[in-house]
Amino acid sequence: MTLCVYNASQTACCVMQQSSICSLACLTFSIQPTIPHYRLQTTFILLLTTVTFKFVVNQMLPRINYLTYMASINILAEYGRCF
């Protein structure tokens, strides 16, 4: 078992990356409705990016039984993308 310590700069970097992925979700609505295949393509790429980012962050976080600040930010970001 390895001990993983997150400092403030790593947390800020992850929060900044997660917020940029979330803000790109609004990009989907800027694509014209007459070309739905581009909207679907953009949505699917953002979904895959989000899943990959969550997978990488979960590998970096230590295995603990309680909710950390970084995990709660990921949960809130996913909830925000759904609604």
N, C-alpha and C. Protein backbone atom coordinates (compact mmCIF):
# COMPACT_ATOMS: atom_id res chain seq x y z
N MET A 1 0.84 -1.17 0.00
CA MET A 1 0.00 0.00 0.00
C MET A 1 0.89 1.24 0.00
N THR A 2 0.64 2.16 -0.91
CA THR A 2 1.43 3.37 -0.98
C THR A 2 0.66 4.52 -0.35
N LEU A 3 1.39 5.42 0.26
CA LEU A 3 0.79 6.59 0.87
C LEU A 3 0.79 7.72 -0.15
N CYS A 4 -0.37 8.22 -0.48
CA CYS A 4 -0.50 9.29 -1.47
C CYS A 4 -0.98 10.55 -0.78
N VAL A 5 -0.19 11.59 -0.83
CA VAL A 5 -0.55 12.85 -0.19
C VAL A 5 -0.82 13.88 -1.28
N TYR A 6 -1.99 14.50 -1.21
CA TYR A 6 -2.37 15.54 -2.17
C TYR A 6 -2.06 16.90 -1.57
N ASN A 7 -1.30 17.71 -2.25
CA ASN A 7 -1.08 19.05 -1.76
C ASN A 7 -2.04 20.01 -2.47
N ALA A 8 -1.98 21.27 -2.11
CA ALA A 8 -2.94 22.25 -2.63
C ALA A 8 -2.80 22.46 -4.13
N SER A 9 -1.59 22.42 -4.67
CA SER A 9 -1.42 22.65 -6.10
C SER A 9 -1.98 21.51 -6.94
N GLN A 10 -1.85 20.27 -6.46
CA GLN A 10 -2.42 19.15 -7.19
C GLN A 10 -3.94 19.20 -7.16
N THR A 11 -4.50 19.58 -6.03
CA THR A 11 -5.95 19.70 -5.93
C THR A 11 -6.45 20.80 -6.83
N ALA A 12 -5.78 21.94 -6.84
CA ALA A 12 -6.19 23.04 -7.70
C ALA A 12 -6.10 22.66 -9.17
N CYS A 13 -5.07 21.90 -9.53
CA CYS A 13 -4.91 21.46 -10.91
C CYS A 13 -6.05 20.53 -11.33
N CYS A 14 -6.41 19.59 -10.46
CA CYS A 14 -7.51 18.68 -10.77
C CYS A 14 -8.84 19.41 -10.85
N VAL A 15 -9.05 20.37 -9.95
CA VAL A 15 -10.29 21.15 -9.97
C VAL A 15 -10.37 21.97 -11.25
N MET A 16 -9.24 22.56 -11.66
CA MET A 16 -9.23 23.36 -12.88
C MET A 16 -9.50 22.49 -14.11
N GLN A 17 -8.92 21.30 -14.15
CA GLN A 17 -9.17 20.41 -15.28
C GLN A 17 -10.62 19.94 -15.30
N GLN A 18 -11.15 19.60 -14.14
CA GLN A 18 -12.53 19.14 -14.07
C GLN A 18 -13.49 20.26 -14.46
N SER A 19 -13.22 21.48 -14.04
CA SER A 19 -14.11 22.59 -14.40
C SER A 19 -14.02 22.92 -15.88
N SER A 20 -12.86 22.74 -16.49
CA SER A 20 -12.76 22.99 -17.93
C SER A 20 -13.52 21.93 -18.72
N ILE A 21 -13.51 20.70 -18.26
CA ILE A 21 -14.29 19.64 -18.92
C ILE A 21 -15.78 19.95 -18.77
N CYS A 22 -16.19 20.40 -17.59
CA CYS A 22 -17.60 20.74 -17.37
C CYS A 22 -18.03 21.94 -18.21
N SER A 23 -17.16 22.92 -18.33
CA SER A 23 -17.53 24.10 -19.12
C SER A 23 -17.62 23.77 -20.61
N LEU A 24 -16.89 22.77 -21.05
CA LEU A 24 -16.99 22.36 -22.45
C LEU A 24 -18.33 21.70 -22.76
N ALA A 25 -19.05 21.28 -21.74
CA ALA A 25 -20.37 20.68 -21.98
C ALA A 25 -21.32 21.70 -22.58
N CYS A 26 -21.13 22.98 -22.27
CA CYS A 26 -21.96 24.03 -22.87
C CYS A 26 -21.66 24.19 -24.36
N LEU A 27 -20.50 23.73 -24.78
CA LEU A 27 -20.13 23.81 -26.19
C LEU A 27 -21.09 23.00 -27.06
N THR A 28 -21.65 21.98 -26.51
CA THR A 28 -22.58 21.13 -27.26
C THR A 28 -23.77 21.93 -27.76
N PHE A 29 -24.24 22.88 -26.96
CA PHE A 29 -25.42 23.66 -27.35
C PHE A 29 -25.09 24.77 -28.34
N SER A 30 -23.82 25.05 -28.57
CA SER A 30 -23.46 26.06 -29.56
C SER A 30 -23.42 25.49 -30.98
N ILE A 31 -23.47 24.19 -31.11
CA ILE A 31 -23.48 23.56 -32.42
C ILE A 31 -24.89 23.63 -32.99
N GLN A 32 -25.00 23.93 -34.24
CA GLN A 32 -26.31 24.11 -34.87
C GLN A 32 -27.14 22.84 -34.79
N PRO A 33 -28.43 22.98 -34.51
CA PRO A 33 -29.30 21.80 -34.42
C PRO A 33 -29.52 21.09 -35.76
N THR A 34 -29.17 21.75 -36.83
CA THR A 34 -29.37 21.12 -38.15
C THR A 34 -28.34 20.03 -38.44
N ILE A 35 -27.26 20.00 -37.65
CA ILE A 35 -26.24 18.95 -37.83
C ILE A 35 -26.10 18.17 -36.51
N PRO A 36 -27.04 17.26 -36.26
CA PRO A 36 -27.03 16.56 -34.97
C PRO A 36 -25.86 15.60 -34.79
N HIS A 37 -25.26 15.13 -35.88
CA HIS A 37 -24.17 14.17 -35.71
C HIS A 37 -22.95 14.84 -35.06
N TYR A 38 -22.75 16.14 -35.28
CA TYR A 38 -21.65 16.83 -34.59
C TYR A 38 -21.96 17.01 -33.11
N ARG A 39 -23.24 17.24 -32.80
CA ARG A 39 -23.62 17.34 -31.39
C ARG A 39 -23.41 16.01 -30.67
N LEU A 40 -23.82 14.93 -31.30
CA LEU A 40 -23.64 13.62 -30.69
C LEU A 40 -22.16 13.28 -30.55
N GLN A 41 -21.38 13.62 -31.54
CA GLN A 41 -19.95 13.34 -31.49
C GLN A 41 -19.28 14.12 -30.35
N THR A 42 -19.63 15.39 -30.21
CA THR A 42 -19.06 16.21 -29.15
C THR A 42 -19.48 15.71 -27.78
N THR A 43 -20.74 15.34 -27.63
CA THR A 43 -21.23 14.82 -26.35
C THR A 43 -20.54 13.52 -25.99
N PHE A 44 -20.37 12.65 -26.96
CA PHE A 44 -19.74 11.36 -26.70
C PHE A 44 -18.26 11.54 -26.33
N ILE A 45 -17.57 12.44 -27.00
CA ILE A 45 -16.16 12.70 -26.67
C ILE A 45 -16.03 13.28 -25.27
N LEU A 46 -16.92 14.19 -24.90
CA LEU A 46 -16.89 14.76 -23.55
C LEU A 46 -17.20 13.70 -22.49
N LEU A 47 -18.11 12.80 -22.81
CA LEU A 47 -18.42 11.72 -21.88
C LEU A 47 -17.22 10.80 -21.69
N LEU A 48 -16.56 10.44 -22.77
CA LEU A 48 -15.37 9.60 -22.66
C LEU A 48 -14.24 10.31 -21.92
N THR A 49 -14.09 11.61 -22.15
CA THR A 49 -13.07 12.38 -21.44
C THR A 49 -13.35 12.41 -19.95
N THR A 50 -14.60 12.57 -19.58
CA THR A 50 -14.98 12.61 -18.17
C THR A 50 -14.71 11.27 -17.49
N VAL A 51 -15.07 10.19 -18.14
CA VAL A 51 -14.85 8.86 -17.57
C VAL A 51 -13.36 8.59 -17.43
N THR A 52 -12.57 8.96 -18.43
CA THR A 52 -11.14 8.76 -18.36
C THR A 52 -10.51 9.59 -17.25
N PHE A 53 -10.94 10.83 -17.12
CA PHE A 53 -10.41 11.69 -16.07
C PHE A 53 -10.75 11.13 -14.69
N LYS A 54 -11.98 10.67 -14.52
CA LYS A 54 -12.38 10.09 -13.24
C LYS A 54 -11.57 8.83 -12.94
N PHE A 55 -11.33 8.01 -13.95
CA PHE A 55 -10.54 6.79 -13.77
C PHE A 55 -9.11 7.11 -13.33
N VAL A 56 -8.50 8.11 -13.96
CA VAL A 56 -7.12 8.49 -13.62
C VAL A 56 -7.05 9.09 -12.22
N VAL A 57 -8.00 9.96 -11.89
CA VAL A 57 -8.01 10.57 -10.56
C VAL A 57 -8.23 9.51 -9.48
N ASN A 58 -9.12 8.56 -9.75
CA ASN A 58 -9.36 7.50 -8.76
C ASN A 58 -8.14 6.62 -8.55
N GLN A 59 -7.31 6.46 -9.57
CA GLN A 59 -6.07 5.71 -9.39
C GLN A 59 -5.06 6.50 -8.57
N MET A 60 -5.10 7.82 -8.66
CA MET A 60 -4.16 8.65 -7.92
C MET A 60 -4.56 8.81 -6.46
N LEU A 61 -5.85 8.75 -6.17
CA LEU A 61 -6.32 8.95 -4.79
C LEU A 61 -6.04 7.71 -3.95
N PRO A 62 -5.77 7.90 -2.68
CA PRO A 62 -5.58 6.73 -1.80
C PRO A 62 -6.90 6.01 -1.55
N ARG A 63 -6.81 4.73 -1.26
CA ARG A 63 -8.00 3.92 -0.97
C ARG A 63 -8.41 4.13 0.49
N ILE A 64 -9.47 4.88 0.68
CA ILE A 64 -9.97 5.15 2.03
C ILE A 64 -11.47 4.94 2.05
N ASN A 65 -12.03 4.81 3.23
CA ASN A 65 -13.45 4.49 3.36
C ASN A 65 -14.34 5.71 3.52
N TYR A 66 -13.79 6.89 3.50
CA TYR A 66 -14.61 8.08 3.65
C TYR A 66 -14.43 8.99 2.45
N LEU A 67 -15.34 9.93 2.28
CA LEU A 67 -15.35 10.82 1.13
C LEU A 67 -14.33 11.96 1.32
N THR A 68 -13.44 12.11 0.36
CA THR A 68 -12.44 13.18 0.44
C THR A 68 -12.95 14.40 -0.31
N TYR A 69 -12.22 15.48 -0.17
CA TYR A 69 -12.57 16.72 -0.86
C TYR A 69 -12.52 16.54 -2.37
N MET A 70 -11.49 15.88 -2.88
CA MET A 70 -11.35 15.67 -4.32
C MET A 70 -12.44 14.77 -4.86
N ALA A 71 -12.80 13.72 -4.12
CA ALA A 71 -13.86 12.83 -4.56
C ALA A 71 -15.20 13.55 -4.57
N SER A 72 -15.43 14.42 -3.59
CA SER A 72 -16.70 15.16 -3.56
C SER A 72 -16.78 16.15 -4.72
N ILE A 73 -15.64 16.73 -5.13
CA ILE A 73 -15.64 17.63 -6.29
C ILE A 73 -15.98 16.85 -7.55
N ASN A 74 -15.45 15.64 -7.70
CA ASN A 74 -15.77 14.81 -8.86
C ASN A 74 -17.25 14.44 -8.89
N ILE A 75 -17.81 14.12 -7.75
CA ILE A 75 -19.23 13.76 -7.68
C ILE A 75 -20.10 14.95 -8.05
N LEU A 76 -19.77 16.13 -7.52
CA LEU A 76 -20.54 17.33 -7.84
C LEU A 76 -20.43 17.69 -9.32
N ALA A 77 -19.26 17.50 -9.90
CA ALA A 77 -19.08 17.81 -11.32
C ALA A 77 -19.89 16.86 -12.19
N GLU A 78 -19.93 15.60 -11.84
CA GLU A 78 -20.74 14.65 -12.60
C GLU A 78 -22.22 14.95 -12.45
N TYR A 79 -22.64 15.31 -11.26
CA TYR A 79 -24.04 15.67 -11.04
C TYR A 79 -24.41 16.90 -11.85
N GLY A 80 -23.49 17.87 -11.93
CA GLY A 80 -23.75 19.09 -12.69
C GLY A 80 -23.86 18.83 -14.18
N ARG A 81 -23.12 17.87 -14.70
CA ARG A 81 -23.21 17.54 -16.12
C ARG A 81 -24.51 16.84 -16.46
N CYS A 82 -25.07 16.13 -15.50
CA CYS A 82 -26.30 15.40 -15.77
C CYS A 82 -27.51 16.32 -15.83
N PHE A 83 -27.44 17.43 -15.10
CA PHE A 83 -28.61 18.31 -15.03
C PHE A 83 -28.30 19.66 -15.50
